[in-house]
Amino acid sequence: MWFVFLRFAYDFLTDFRTMAEVFCVCGQWSSKDSLQWEFNVDKNRNASFIYIEEDFQYEDLMKMVSKNFSFKEEEISLSYR
């Protein structure tokens, strides 16, 4: 399973609607001997930005991430920070 790490870059207003720019990068989570989790970026895949509005649905996000990284939706797990 591939994980896509999401980080909200910033919020901005457009025509009185709130939008957020979300930075997406593909990789895998692993734990070290010290029981700390580390996100290992897949350097063979590009990162992407997704712009979302306040009425954006989870299903829409999964479709966009699936398209951007060429994964099937069932192969993706999202995490954020």
Protein backbone atom coordinates (compact mmCIF):
# COMPACT_ATOMS: atom_id res chain seq x y z
CA MET A 1 0.00 0.00 0.00
CA TRP A 2 1.24 3.48 -0.86
CA PHE A 3 0.78 6.41 1.44
CA VAL A 4 0.31 9.95 0.25
CA PHE A 5 1.45 12.53 2.75
CA LEU A 6 -0.63 15.70 2.75
CA ARG A 7 0.50 19.01 4.13
CA PHE A 8 -1.65 22.12 4.02
CA ALA A 9 0.55 24.84 2.56
CA TYR A 10 -1.73 27.79 3.21
CA ASP A 11 -5.31 28.97 3.08
CA PHE A 12 -6.47 31.85 0.94
CA LEU A 13 -9.71 33.51 -0.01
CA THR A 14 -11.04 33.61 -3.55
CA ASP A 15 -14.34 35.29 -4.26
CA PHE A 16 -15.22 34.95 -0.55
CA ARG A 17 -14.64 31.19 -0.64
CA THR A 18 -11.90 29.53 1.36
CA MET A 19 -9.42 27.42 -0.57
CA ALA A 20 -6.42 25.46 0.65
CA GLU A 21 -3.31 24.40 -1.22
CA VAL A 22 -2.38 20.85 -0.25
CA PHE A 23 1.11 19.48 -0.92
CA CYS A 24 1.06 15.76 -1.77
CA VAL A 25 4.06 13.44 -1.83
CA CYS A 26 4.17 9.68 -2.22
CA GLY A 27 6.08 7.30 0.04
CA GLN A 28 5.99 4.71 2.80
CA TRP A 29 5.89 4.91 6.59
CA SER A 30 8.42 2.82 8.50
CA SER A 31 9.36 2.52 12.14
CA LYS A 32 12.88 2.60 13.46
CA ASP A 33 14.34 0.60 16.31
CA SER A 34 13.64 3.54 18.61
CA LEU A 35 9.91 3.17 17.83
CA GLN A 36 9.84 6.46 15.94
CA TRP A 37 7.95 6.64 12.68
CA GLU A 38 9.63 8.01 9.58
CA PHE A 39 8.09 8.88 6.22
CA ASN A 40 10.31 7.71 3.35
CA VAL A 41 9.62 9.74 0.22
CA ASP A 42 9.47 7.83 -3.05
CA LYS A 43 12.07 9.72 -5.07
CA ASN A 44 10.87 8.09 -8.30
CA ARG A 45 7.51 9.86 -8.14
CA ASN A 46 6.71 13.52 -8.44
CA ALA A 47 5.02 15.58 -5.76
CA SER A 48 1.91 17.61 -6.54
CA PHE A 49 -0.25 20.43 -5.24
CA ILE A 50 -4.00 20.08 -5.02
CA TYR A 51 -6.24 23.08 -4.50
CA ILE A 52 -9.32 22.29 -2.48
CA GLU A 53 -12.34 24.37 -1.57
CA GLU A 54 -14.41 24.20 1.59
CA ASP A 55 -17.03 21.94 -0.02
CA PHE A 56 -14.43 19.48 -1.38
CA GLN A 57 -15.35 15.86 -0.57
CA TYR A 58 -13.05 13.01 0.51
CA GLU A 59 -14.01 11.04 -2.62
CA ASP A 60 -12.91 13.98 -4.80
CA LEU A 61 -9.55 14.09 -3.03
CA MET A 62 -9.01 10.35 -3.52
CA LYS A 63 -9.78 10.66 -7.23
CA MET A 64 -7.33 13.52 -7.67
CA VAL A 65 -4.56 11.76 -5.74
CA SER A 66 -5.20 8.55 -7.69
CA LYS A 67 -4.93 10.43 -10.97
CA ASN A 68 -1.83 12.44 -9.97
CA PHE A 69 0.15 9.40 -8.80
CA SER A 70 -1.33 6.76 -11.16
CA PHE A 71 -2.56 4.52 -8.33
CA LYS A 72 -5.88 2.81 -7.89
CA GLU A 73 -7.89 4.43 -5.11
CA GLU A 74 -7.89 1.19 -3.08
CA GLU A 75 -4.04 1.24 -3.08
CA ILE A 76 -3.87 4.64 -1.39
CA SER A 77 -3.87 5.60 2.25
CA LEU A 78 -3.77 9.28 3.19
CA SER A 79 -1.95 10.83 6.13
CA TYR A 80 -1.41 14.46 6.99
CA ARG A 81 0.61 16.79 9.13
